[in-house]
C-alpha atoms as a PDB file:
ATOM      1  CA  UNK A   1     210.339  48.187 127.082  1.00  0.00           C
ATOM      2  CA  UNK A   2     207.467  49.247 129.341  1.00  0.00           C
ATOM      3  CA  UNK A   3     205.073  46.856 127.625  1.00  0.00           C
ATOM      4  CA  UNK A   4     207.417  43.869 128.161  1.00  0.00           C
ATOM      5  CA  UNK A   5     207.966  44.880 131.791  1.00  0.00           C
ATOM      6  CA  UNK A   6     204.175  45.174 132.253  1.00  0.00           C
ATOM      7  CA  UNK A   7     203.689  41.740 130.691  1.00  0.00           C
ATOM      8  CA  UNK A   8     206.409  40.144 132.850  1.00  0.00           C
ATOM      9  CA  UNK A   9     205.037  41.695 136.047  1.00  0.00           C
ATOM     10  CA  UNK A  10     201.528  40.474 135.200  1.00  0.00           C
ATOM     11  CA  UNK A  11     202.831  36.918 134.666  1.00  0.00           C
ATOM     12  CA  UNK A  12     204.973  36.969 137.831  1.00  0.00           C
ATOM     13  CA  UNK A  13     202.120  38.254 139.987  1.00  0.00           C
ATOM     14  CA  UNK A  14     199.674  35.722 138.571  1.00  0.00           C
ATOM     15  CA  UNK A  15     202.150  32.858 138.990  1.00  0.00           C
ATOM     16  CA  UNK A  16     202.852  33.770 142.604  1.00  0.00           C
ATOM     17  CA  UNK A  17     199.151  33.958 143.356  1.00  0.00           C
ATOM     18  CA  UNK A  18     198.463  30.629 141.631  1.00  0.00           C
ATOM     19  CA  UNK A  19     200.880  27.992 142.861  1.00  0.00           C
ATOM     20  CA  UNK A  20     203.618  27.595 140.179  1.00  0.00           C
ATOM     21  CA  UNK A  21     203.852  23.851 140.519  1.00  0.00           C
ATOM     22  CA  UNK A  22     200.182  23.254 139.789  1.00  0.00           C
ATOM     23  CA  UNK A  23     199.740  22.844 136.011  1.00  0.00           C
ATOM     24  CA  UNK A  24     195.999  23.530 136.161  1.00  0.00           C
ATOM     25  CA  UNK A  25     196.718  26.912 137.717  1.00  0.00           C
ATOM     26  CA  UNK A  26     199.292  27.668 135.013  1.00  0.00           C
ATOM     27  CA  UNK A  27     196.584  27.246 132.386  1.00  0.00           C
ATOM     28  CA  UNK A  28     194.393  29.670 134.311  1.00  0.00           C
ATOM     29  CA  UNK A  29     197.283  32.129 134.566  1.00  0.00           C
ATOM     30  CA  UNK A  30     197.865  31.947 130.803  1.00  0.00           C
ATOM     31  CA  UNK A  31     194.133  32.414 130.145  1.00  0.00           C
ATOM     32  CA  UNK A  32     193.971  35.360 132.564  1.00  0.00           C
ATOM     33  CA  UNK A  33     197.076  36.906 130.987  1.00  0.00           C
ATOM     34  CA  UNK A  34     195.698  36.450 127.447  1.00  0.00           C
ATOM     35  CA  UNK A  35     192.382  38.000 128.485  1.00  0.00           C
ATOM     36  CA  UNK A  36     194.095  41.006 130.122  1.00  0.00           C
ATOM     37  CA  UNK A  37     196.290  41.603 127.066  1.00  0.00           C
ATOM     38  CA  UNK A  38     193.329  41.272 124.699  1.00  0.00           C
ATOM     39  CA  UNK A  39     191.335  43.817 126.702  1.00  0.00           C
ATOM     40  CA  UNK A  40     194.346  46.166 126.893  1.00  0.00           C
ATOM     41  CA  UNK A  41     194.953  45.866 123.144  1.00  0.00           C
ATOM     42  CA  UNK A  42     191.263  46.465 122.321  1.00  0.00           C
ATOM     43  CA  UNK A  43     191.160  49.530 124.587  1.00  0.00           C
ATOM     44  CA  UNK A  44     194.272  50.864 122.861  1.00  0.00           C
ATOM     45  CA  UNK A  45     192.726  50.302 119.392  1.00  0.00           C
ATOM     46  CA  UNK A  46     189.485  51.938 120.546  1.00  0.00           C
ATOM     47  CA  UNK A  47     191.292  55.072 121.767  1.00  0.00           C
ATOM     48  CA  UNK A  48     193.315  55.271 118.544  1.00  0.00           C
ATOM     49  CA  UNK A  49     190.232  54.856 116.353  1.00  0.00           C
ATOM     50  CA  UNK A  50     188.125  57.411 118.261  1.00  0.00           C
ATOM     51  CA  UNK A  51     191.056  59.857 118.191  1.00  0.00           C
ATOM     52  CA  UNK A  52     191.273  59.351 114.446  1.00  0.00           C
ATOM     53  CA  UNK A  53     187.551  60.123 114.032  1.00  0.00           C
ATOM     54  CA  UNK A  54     188.046  63.387 115.921  1.00  0.00           C
ATOM     55  CA  UNK A  55     190.954  64.320 113.623  1.00  0.00           C
ATOM     56  CA  UNK A  56     188.764  63.586 110.598  1.00  0.00           C
ATOM     57  CA  UNK A  57     186.193  66.111 111.852  1.00  0.00           C
ATOM     58  CA  UNK A  58     188.869  68.791 112.010  1.00  0.00           C
ATOM     59  CA  UNK A  59     190.183  67.778 108.571  1.00  0.00           C
ATOM     60  CA  UNK A  60     186.658  68.095 107.151  1.00  0.00           C
ATOM     61  CA  UNK A  61     186.342  71.644 108.456  1.00  0.00           C
ATOM     62  CA  UNK A  62     189.743  72.552 107.019  1.00  0.00           C
ATOM     63  CA  UNK A  63     188.749  71.088 103.634  1.00  0.00           C
ATOM     64  CA  UNK A  64     185.532  73.105 103.766  1.00  0.00           C
ATOM     65  CA  UNK A  65     187.490  76.280 104.459  1.00  0.00           C
ATOM     66  CA  UNK A  66     189.864  75.628 101.548  1.00  0.00           C
ATOM     67  CA  UNK A  67     186.988  74.876  99.163  1.00  0.00           C
ATOM     68  CA  UNK A  68     185.013  77.975 100.193  1.00  0.00           C
ATOM     69  CA  UNK A  69     188.060  80.151  99.609  1.00  0.00           C
ATOM     70  CA  UNK A  70     187.989  79.011  95.939  1.00  0.00           C
ATOM     71  CA  UNK A  71     191.702  79.707  95.962  1.00  0.00           C
ATOM     72  CA  UNK A  72     192.696  76.562  94.078  1.00  0.00           C
ATOM     73  CA  UNK A  73     189.597  75.840  91.977  1.00  0.00           C
ATOM     74  CA  UNK A  74     188.138  79.218  91.134  1.00  0.00           C
ATOM     75  CA  UNK A  75     184.426  79.057  90.351  1.00  0.00           C
ATOM     76  CA  UNK A  76     184.474  75.468  89.100  1.00  0.00           C
ATOM     77  CA  UNK A  77     182.533  72.700  90.799  1.00  0.00           C
ATOM     78  CA  UNK A  78     184.620  69.838  92.096  1.00  0.00           C
ATOM     79  CA  UNK A  79     184.071  66.133  92.735  1.00  0.00           C
ATOM     80  CA  UNK A  80     184.859  64.566  96.101  1.00  0.00           C
ATOM     81  CA  UNK A  81     185.884  60.904  96.248  1.00  0.00           C
ATOM     82  CA  UNK A  82     186.521  59.318  99.642  1.00  0.00           C
ATOM     83  CA  UNK A  83     187.680  55.948 100.930  1.00  0.00           C
ATOM     84  CA  UNK A  84     187.338  54.512 104.454  1.00  0.00           C
ATOM     85  CA  UNK A  85     187.951  57.237 107.087  1.00  0.00           C
ATOM     86  CA  UNK A  86     188.203  59.783 104.272  1.00  0.00           C
ATOM     87  CA  UNK A  87     184.413  59.454 104.138  1.00  0.00           C
ATOM     88  CA  UNK A  88     184.284  61.004 107.585  1.00  0.00           C
ATOM     89  CA  UNK A  89     186.362  63.951 106.279  1.00  0.00           C
ATOM     90  CA  UNK A  90     183.988  64.473 103.325  1.00  0.00           C
ATOM     91  CA  UNK A  91     180.920  64.125 105.556  1.00  0.00           C
ATOM     92  CA  UNK A  92     182.222  66.799 107.924  1.00  0.00           C
ATOM     93  CA  UNK A  93     183.255  69.000 105.001  1.00  0.00           C
ATOM     94  CA  UNK A  94     179.724  68.842 103.554  1.00  0.00           C
ATOM     95  CA  UNK A  95     178.204  69.513 106.961  1.00  0.00           C
ATOM     96  CA  UNK A  96     180.430  72.581 107.389  1.00  0.00           C
ATOM     97  CA  UNK A  97     179.712  73.803 103.848  1.00  0.00           C
ATOM     98  CA  UNK A  98     175.977  73.612 104.592  1.00  0.00           C
ATOM     99  CA  UNK A  99     176.409  75.966 107.550  1.00  0.00           C
ATOM    100  CA  UNK A 100     178.056  78.616 105.399  1.00  0.00           C
ATOM    101  CA  UNK A 101     176.602  80.387 102.377  1.00  0.00           C
ATOM    102  CA  UNK A 102     179.874  80.015 100.459  1.00  0.00           C
ATOM    103  CA  UNK A 103     179.348  76.268  99.992  1.00  0.00           C
ATOM    104  CA  UNK A 104     176.175  76.336  97.944  1.00  0.00           C
ATOM    105  CA  UNK A 105     176.549  74.216  94.781  1.00  0.00           C
ATOM    106  CA  UNK A 106     180.328  74.158  95.124  1.00  0.00           C
ATOM    107  CA  UNK A 107     180.410  70.344  94.926  1.00  0.00           C
ATOM    108  CA  UNK A 108     179.462  68.414  91.778  1.00  0.00           C
ATOM    109  CA  UNK A 109     179.618  64.662  92.579  1.00  0.00           C
ATOM    110  CA  UNK A 110     180.403  62.882  95.848  1.00  0.00           C
ATOM    111  CA  UNK A 111     181.526  59.249  95.959  1.00  0.00           C
ATOM    112  CA  UNK A 112     181.759  57.355  99.231  1.00  0.00           C
ATOM    113  CA  UNK A 113     183.729  54.074  99.055  1.00  0.00           C
ATOM    114  CA  UNK A 114     183.994  51.614 101.969  1.00  0.00           C
ATOM    115  CA  UNK A 115     182.632  54.375 104.166  1.00  0.00           C
ATOM    116  CA  UNK A 116     183.734  54.498 107.790  1.00  0.00           C
ATOM    117  CA  UNK A 117     180.998  56.953 108.732  1.00  0.00           C
ATOM    118  CA  UNK A 118     177.243  57.145 109.262  1.00  0.00           C
ATOM    119  CA  UNK A 119     174.368  59.429 108.305  1.00  0.00           C
ATOM    120  CA  UNK A 120     172.131  59.469 111.384  1.00  0.00           C
ATOM    121  CA  UNK A 121     169.631  62.245 110.735  1.00  0.00           C
ATOM    122  CA  UNK A 122     168.370  61.475 107.236  1.00  0.00           C
ATOM    123  CA  UNK A 123     166.245  64.611 106.861  1.00  0.00           C
ATOM    124  CA  UNK A 124     169.248  66.822 107.689  1.00  0.00           C
ATOM    125  CA  UNK A 125     171.390  64.933 105.202  1.00  0.00           C
ATOM    126  CA  UNK A 126     168.716  65.234 102.542  1.00  0.00           C
ATOM    127  CA  UNK A 127     168.848  69.014 103.006  1.00  0.00           C
ATOM    128  CA  UNK A 128     172.669  69.078 102.993  1.00  0.00           C
ATOM    129  CA  UNK A 129     172.961  66.925  99.873  1.00  0.00           C
ATOM    130  CA  UNK A 130     170.267  68.838  97.963  1.00  0.00           C
ATOM    131  CA  UNK A 131     171.782  72.234  98.792  1.00  0.00           C
ATOM    132  CA  UNK A 132     175.492  71.471  98.553  1.00  0.00           C
ATOM    133  CA  UNK A 133     175.873  68.704  95.951  1.00  0.00           C
ATOM    134  CA  UNK A 134     174.924  69.607  92.388  1.00  0.00           C
ATOM    135  CA  UNK A 135     175.494  66.175  90.849  1.00  0.00           C
ATOM    136  CA  UNK A 136     175.425  62.560  91.966  1.00  0.00           C
ATOM    137  CA  UNK A 137     175.867  61.051  95.420  1.00  0.00           C
ATOM    138  CA  UNK A 138     177.281  57.524  95.206  1.00  0.00           C
ATOM    139  CA  UNK A 139     177.808  54.969  97.968  1.00  0.00           C
ATOM    140  CA  UNK A 140     180.004  51.952  97.145  1.00  0.00           C
ATOM    141  CA  UNK A 141     179.700  49.332  99.886  1.00  0.00           C
ATOM    142  CA  UNK A 142     180.557  45.711 100.635  1.00  0.00           C
ATOM    143  CA  UNK A 143     178.564  43.566 103.033  1.00  0.00           C
ATOM    144  CA  UNK A 144     181.667  41.399 103.513  1.00  0.00           C
ATOM    145  CA  UNK A 145     183.995  44.183 104.727  1.00  0.00           C
ATOM    146  CA  UNK A 146     184.819  42.688 108.122  1.00  0.00           C
ATOM    147  CA  UNK A 147     187.085  45.545 109.212  1.00  0.00           C
ATOM    148  CA  UNK A 148     184.224  48.008 108.934  1.00  0.00           C
ATOM    149  CA  UNK A 149     181.690  45.510 110.202  1.00  0.00           C
ATOM    150  CA  UNK A 150     183.559  44.741 113.421  1.00  0.00           C
ATOM    151  CA  UNK A 151     186.107  47.487 114.159  1.00  0.00           C
ATOM    152  CA  UNK A 152     183.941  50.492 113.295  1.00  0.00           C
ATOM    153  CA  UNK A 153     180.791  48.985 114.771  1.00  0.00           C
ATOM    154  CA  UNK A 154     182.520  47.931 118.000  1.00  0.00           C
ATOM    155  CA  UNK A 155     184.243  51.294 118.476  1.00  0.00           C
ATOM    156  CA  UNK A 156     181.260  53.515 117.680  1.00  0.00           C
ATOM    157  CA  UNK A 157     178.244  51.295 118.290  1.00  0.00           C
ATOM    158  CA  UNK A 158     176.943  52.225 114.834  1.00  0.00           C
ATOM    159  CA  UNK A 159     176.749  50.481 111.469  1.00  0.00           C
ATOM    160  CA  UNK A 160     178.920  52.258 108.858  1.00  0.00           C
ATOM    161  CA  UNK A 161     177.731  53.134 105.351  1.00  0.00           C
ATOM    162  CA  UNK A 162     180.525  50.998 103.866  1.00  0.00           C
ATOM    163  CA  UNK A 163     178.654  47.763 104.591  1.00  0.00           C
ATOM    164  CA  UNK A 164     175.115  48.696 103.567  1.00  0.00           C
ATOM    165  CA  UNK A 165     172.933  50.740 101.278  1.00  0.00           C
ATOM    166  CA  UNK A 166     172.283  54.336 102.265  1.00  0.00           C
ATOM    167  CA  UNK A 167     168.725  55.594 101.936  1.00  0.00           C
ATOM    168  CA  UNK A 168     168.409  59.394 102.037  1.00  0.00           C
ATOM    169  CA  UNK A 169     165.082  60.698 100.754  1.00  0.00           C
ATOM    170  CA  UNK A 170     162.748  63.639 101.154  1.00  0.00           C
ATOM    171  CA  UNK A 171     160.353  61.615 103.282  1.00  0.00           C
ATOM    172  CA  UNK A 172     157.424  62.393 100.961  1.00  0.00           C
ATOM    173  CA  UNK A 173     157.996  60.732  97.606  1.00  0.00           C
ATOM    174  CA  UNK A 174     160.471  58.260  99.075  1.00  0.00           C
ATOM    175  CA  UNK A 175     162.950  58.496  96.184  1.00  0.00           C
ATOM    176  CA  UNK A 176     166.486  57.768  97.357  1.00  0.00           C
ATOM    177  CA  UNK A 177     168.967  60.451  96.245  1.00  0.00           C
ATOM    178  CA  UNK A 178     171.965  58.186  96.928  1.00  0.00           C
ATOM    179  CA  UNK A 179     173.072  55.702  94.249  1.00  0.00           C
ATOM    180  CA  UNK A 180     174.191  52.498  95.984  1.00  0.00           C
ATOM    181  CA  UNK A 181     176.590  49.984  94.435  1.00  0.00           C
ATOM    182  CA  UNK A 182     177.467  46.689  96.109  1.00  0.00           C
ATOM    183  CA  UNK A 183     181.177  45.835  95.584  1.00  0.00           C
ATOM    184  CA  UNK A 184     180.352  42.153  96.167  1.00  0.00           C
ATOM    185  CA  UNK A 185     178.401  42.108  92.910  1.00  0.00           C
ATOM    186  CA  UNK A 186     181.434  43.470  91.024  1.00  0.00           C
ATOM    187  CA  UNK A 187     183.630  40.543  92.114  1.00  0.00           C
ATOM    188  CA  UNK A 188     182.060  38.303  89.445  1.00  0.00           C
ATOM    189  CA  UNK A 189     183.431  40.586  86.723  1.00  0.00           C
ATOM    190  CA  UNK A 190     186.918  40.672  88.236  1.00  0.00           C
ATOM    191  CA  UNK A 191     187.228  36.885  88.622  1.00  0.00           C
ATOM    192  CA  UNK A 192     186.245  36.141  85.001  1.00  0.00           C
END
């Protein structure tokens, strides 16, 4: 395969440049090769992850369009429950619903679990949640979710909602409109 050919060429080039008979140089070659492959793999994961985030934005707009059409649900309010990157879909759906009059009070409850997304502008999100969501907004997070902690943070440079409490308030009274639940605290009930 191309990847194996690439790997073999990298090793051959490095070995020619660093005298093959010298064992110290072989260790350097292996280190250099491992470093190159790690960087290549991380770049590949980064591109895949960022591409996935872009697809989630489109999916959120499509979900918004389907919900506004009321084709499947009629005039009933619905609940949205999201996990991991699905949180990004729901976030973009809510954002799109807020831009269109047809989304007002269409959503009852929203539950974000292990959220691979962020809420940067809190005042905007306060407005979106208050105008679009008629019921509860719940964030279920785990401070020990290493995938979110490292992969999401390294790819986006931001801390996802799935590893921390989310505080969205009106800025005046300071009352948080998001209910936060730490999954780590639930582990004690599962183990017993």
